[in-house]
Protein backbone atom coordinates (compact mmCIF):
# COMPACT_ATOMS: atom_id res chain seq x y z
CA MET A 1 44.47 90.06 99.00
CA ASN A 2 42.01 92.32 100.74
CA ALA A 3 39.45 94.60 99.14
CA GLU A 4 41.26 97.76 100.26
CA VAL A 5 44.26 96.91 98.09
CA ILE A 6 42.10 96.27 95.02
CA GLU A 7 40.16 99.52 95.52
CA ASN A 8 43.38 101.52 95.68
CA PHE A 9 44.68 100.14 92.40
CA SER A 10 43.73 101.94 89.21
CA PHE A 11 43.44 99.94 86.00
CA THR A 12 42.63 103.11 84.06
CA ALA A 13 45.54 105.33 85.12
CA PRO A 14 46.96 107.17 82.08
CA ARG A 15 50.06 105.69 80.50
CA ILE A 16 53.00 107.81 79.35
CA SER A 17 54.41 106.93 75.94
CA PRO A 18 57.97 107.63 74.71
CA GLU A 19 56.47 110.36 72.51
CA ASP A 20 54.90 111.99 75.59
CA LEU A 21 58.28 111.98 77.32
CA ALA A 22 59.99 113.50 74.27
CA ARG A 23 57.43 116.32 74.11
CA GLU A 24 57.79 116.96 77.82
CA ARG A 25 61.57 117.17 77.50
CA LEU A 26 61.25 119.84 74.79
CA ASP A 27 59.35 122.03 77.27
CA LEU A 28 62.15 121.86 79.85
CA THR A 29 64.74 124.56 80.33
CA GLU A 30 68.41 123.70 79.84
CA GLU A 31 68.90 123.66 83.63
CA GLU A 32 65.90 121.37 84.13
CA ARG A 33 67.28 118.99 81.50
CA ARG A 34 70.63 118.98 83.27
CA VAL A 35 68.96 117.99 86.53
CA VAL A 36 66.92 115.25 84.85
CA ASP A 37 70.00 113.86 83.09
CA GLY A 38 71.86 113.95 86.38
CA ASP A 39 69.15 111.86 88.02
CA LYS A 40 69.16 109.37 85.13
CA TYR A 41 72.84 109.08 84.32
CA GLY A 42 74.71 110.25 87.38
CA GLY A 43 77.92 111.62 85.89
CA LYS A 44 76.18 113.45 83.03
CA GLY A 45 74.91 116.70 84.40
CA GLN A 46 75.32 116.27 88.14
CA LYS A 47 77.54 118.91 89.66
CA ALA A 48 79.54 117.29 92.45
CA THR A 49 79.58 119.25 95.69
CA GLU A 50 83.05 120.25 96.75
CA GLU A 51 83.02 119.23 100.39
CA THR A 52 85.58 121.52 101.94
CA GLU A 53 85.80 121.59 105.73
CA GLU A 54 84.44 125.13 105.79
CA TYR A 55 81.52 124.19 103.52
CA ILE A 56 80.60 121.19 105.66
CA ASN A 57 80.83 123.11 108.94
CA ASP A 58 78.64 125.93 107.60
CA ALA A 59 76.07 123.39 106.40
CA LEU A 60 76.05 121.61 109.76
CA ASP A 61 75.57 124.90 111.62
CA SER A 62 72.70 125.88 109.33
CA LEU A 63 71.16 122.42 109.70
CA GLU A 64 71.11 122.77 113.49
CA LYS A 65 69.18 126.02 113.15
CA ALA A 66 66.78 124.49 110.63
CA LEU A 67 66.03 121.60 112.98
CA HIS A 68 65.31 124.02 115.83
CA SER A 69 62.89 125.89 113.60
CA ILE A 70 60.70 122.79 113.13
CA LYS A 71 58.27 123.00 116.05
CA VAL A 72 56.50 119.63 115.87
CA LYS A 73 58.96 116.72 115.79
CA PRO A 74 58.21 114.42 118.75
CA GLU A 75 60.22 111.40 117.57
CA TYR A 76 63.28 113.53 116.83
CA ASP A 77 63.00 115.32 120.18
CA GLU A 78 62.79 111.96 121.94
CA ALA A 79 65.87 110.78 120.08
CA LEU A 80 67.76 113.85 121.30
CA LYS A 81 66.94 112.82 124.88
CA ARG A 82 67.63 109.09 124.58
CA CYS A 83 70.48 108.87 122.06
CA PRO A 84 71.88 112.39 121.60
CA GLU A 85 75.35 111.30 120.49
CA SER A 86 74.17 109.50 117.37
CA THR A 87 71.34 111.97 116.65
CA GLN A 88 73.75 114.90 116.64
CA SER A 89 76.75 113.07 115.22
CA ARG A 90 78.61 114.64 112.32
CA GLU A 91 78.58 111.34 110.42
CA PHE A 92 74.79 110.96 110.61
CA ARG A 93 74.01 114.56 109.70
CA LEU A 94 76.54 114.66 106.88
CA LYS A 95 74.96 111.54 105.41
CA MET A 96 71.58 113.27 105.48
CA LEU A 97 72.98 116.47 103.94
CA ARG A 98 74.45 114.49 101.05
CA ALA A 99 71.09 112.80 100.46
CA GLU A 100 69.54 116.26 99.97
CA LEU A 101 72.49 117.75 98.03
CA PHE A 102 73.24 120.01 101.01
CA VAL A 103 69.87 121.77 100.87
CA VAL A 104 69.51 122.50 104.57
CA LYS A 105 65.72 122.92 104.84
CA THR A 106 64.90 119.60 103.17
CA THR A 107 67.69 117.88 105.11
CA ALA A 108 66.09 118.96 108.38
CA GLU A 109 62.74 117.65 107.15
CA ARG A 110 64.40 114.38 106.10
CA ILE A 111 65.92 113.89 109.57
CA VAL A 112 62.55 114.46 111.24
CA LYS A 113 60.92 111.99 108.85
CA TYR A 114 63.78 109.53 109.43
CA TRP A 115 62.98 109.32 113.14
CA GLU A 116 59.23 109.17 112.53
CA THR A 117 59.71 106.23 110.17
CA LYS A 118 62.31 104.47 112.30
CA VAL A 119 59.99 104.45 115.32
CA MET A 120 57.02 103.38 113.17
CA VAL A 121 58.94 100.46 111.63
CA TRP A 122 60.97 99.23 114.63
CA GLY A 123 59.21 100.51 117.73
CA GLU A 124 60.72 102.79 120.36
CA ASP A 125 62.88 100.24 122.16
CA ILE A 126 64.93 99.35 119.08
CA ALA A 127 64.73 102.75 117.38
CA TYR A 128 66.20 104.65 120.32
CA ARG A 129 68.45 101.96 121.72
CA ASP A 130 71.98 103.40 122.01
CA GLY A 131 71.31 105.27 118.77
CA ARG A 132 72.50 102.27 116.78
CA ASP A 133 70.90 101.26 113.52
CA PRO A 134 68.94 98.00 113.72
CA THR A 135 70.86 94.89 112.70
CA LEU A 136 69.92 91.39 111.56
CA ALA A 137 69.86 90.38 115.21
CA ASP A 138 66.95 92.79 115.77
CA MET A 139 64.81 91.09 113.14
CA SER A 140 62.17 88.51 113.92
CA GLN A 141 62.23 85.27 111.96
CA GLU A 142 59.40 86.65 109.81
CA ASP A 143 61.42 89.82 109.09
CA TYR A 144 64.45 87.74 108.13
CA ASN A 145 62.40 85.46 105.90
CA SER A 146 61.00 88.51 104.13
CA LEU A 147 64.53 89.82 103.52
CA LEU A 148 65.67 86.52 101.99
CA LEU A 149 62.56 85.64 100.00
CA SER A 150 62.13 89.14 98.54
CA LYS A 151 65.62 88.95 97.02
CA TRP A 152 66.86 92.40 98.04
CA MET A 153 70.49 92.73 96.95
CA ILE A 154 73.21 95.37 96.83
CA LEU A 155 75.27 94.47 93.78
CA PRO A 156 79.03 94.22 94.32
CA ARG A 157 79.88 96.56 91.45
CA LYS A 158 78.83 100.18 90.92
CA ASP A 159 77.71 101.67 87.62
CA LYS A 160 80.17 103.62 85.45
CA HIS A 161 79.37 106.84 87.29
CA GLY A 162 80.16 105.38 90.70
CA ARG A 163 76.59 104.91 91.85
CA GLY A 164 75.60 101.88 93.88
CA ILE A 165 73.08 99.42 92.45
CA MET A 166 70.29 97.85 94.47
CA TYR A 167 68.22 95.06 92.95
CA VAL A 168 64.90 93.62 94.06
CA CYS A 169 62.63 91.00 92.53
CA ARG A 170 59.19 92.52 92.95
CA PRO A 171 57.12 89.34 92.28
CA ALA A 172 59.06 87.63 95.10
CA TRP A 173 58.06 90.13 97.78
CA ALA A 174 56.83 88.08 100.72
CA TYR A 175 55.68 89.05 104.20
CA GLN A 176 53.21 87.99 106.85
CA GLU A 177 52.79 91.58 108.06
CA ARG A 178 53.76 94.79 106.30
CA LYS A 179 56.37 95.55 108.95
CA ASN A 180 58.27 92.39 108.03
CA LEU A 181 59.02 93.79 104.57
CA LEU A 182 59.53 97.35 105.80
CA ARG A 183 62.18 96.20 108.27
CA ALA A 184 63.93 94.31 105.48
CA VAL A 185 63.83 97.43 103.28
CA TRP A 186 65.12 99.62 106.13
CA TYR A 187 68.01 97.25 106.75
CA MET A 188 69.03 97.16 103.08
CA TRP A 189 68.86 100.92 102.51
CA ASN A 190 70.90 101.62 105.63
CA ALA A 191 73.46 99.01 104.63
CA ALA A 192 73.79 100.67 101.23
CA VAL A 193 74.34 104.21 102.50
CA GLU A 194 77.13 103.15 104.83
CA ASP A 195 79.22 103.44 101.67
CA GLU A 196 80.46 107.04 101.41
CA ALA A 197 80.67 106.79 97.63
CA ILE A 198 76.96 105.97 97.50
CA GLN A 199 76.21 108.89 99.81
CA LYS A 200 77.97 111.21 97.36
CA ARG A 201 77.04 109.69 94.00
CA GLY A 202 73.69 108.07 94.72
CA LEU A 203 72.04 104.72 94.19
CA VAL A 204 70.33 103.12 91.18
CA PHE A 205 67.30 101.03 92.14
CA LEU A 206 66.47 98.14 89.79
CA SER A 207 63.16 96.41 90.25
CA TYR A 208 62.38 93.19 88.35
CA ALA A 209 58.62 93.11 87.93
CA VAL A 210 57.98 90.52 85.19
CA GLY A 211 55.23 88.21 86.37
CA ASP A 212 54.00 90.59 89.05
CA SER A 213 50.25 90.92 89.39
CA ALA A 214 47.95 93.84 90.14
CA LEU A 215 46.20 91.54 92.59
CA ARG A 216 49.35 91.58 94.76
CA TYR A 217 49.72 95.36 94.72
CA ASP A 218 49.83 96.86 98.22
CA ARG A 219 49.70 100.65 98.14
CA LYS A 220 50.56 101.05 101.82
CA VAL A 221 53.73 99.02 101.50
CA ASP A 222 54.78 100.96 98.39
CA THR A 223 54.11 104.28 100.11
CA HIS A 224 56.40 103.40 103.00
CA VAL A 225 59.08 101.82 100.80
CA VAL A 226 59.57 105.04 98.82
CA ARG A 227 59.63 107.28 101.90
């Protein structure tokens, strides 16, 4: 473990108690509580979007305009040149709209970040190749080992609100280079969101951390994992 990782870890960061959370909840408006409950419990409080054909088409048209309004997006612009079919596909853009609850501005930003991250993690040759998502065959042996040893799993059953469940054993995270783990994470997230029900209802992420150590904490990996 290098010194940079230790320096970036705070042993004195403030902890939030259940009482703190209760007081914070009292300060929320009814609408804010509904949103929080929706994030926590899925079916309680989340208003499902009625995806009529007209609604989807209007959102896609607005998304195209929002993407054009973003001036600096080199990776996305390159994707438009090298794999325009997949970059502009209805399936891809609808998946992104669902991830942002059909908020067009943040969906456009998500798509730009998607291509930035995809190129960073996989390199241009794989990221832009035919517009296809990377597969197991694109992984190095070190990437594949990281996927297996880190115990990333999509559970076969969804929760009672129809959300997918992804499990990871944090103390088992293993990688020779950061990109080994990031490629494993990319593969798992993309596998999960192929499921339309997960696109619409969301995903619960369960992380088993018993036995994990602050000495193994890697801020850079965590930053990229949550992107």
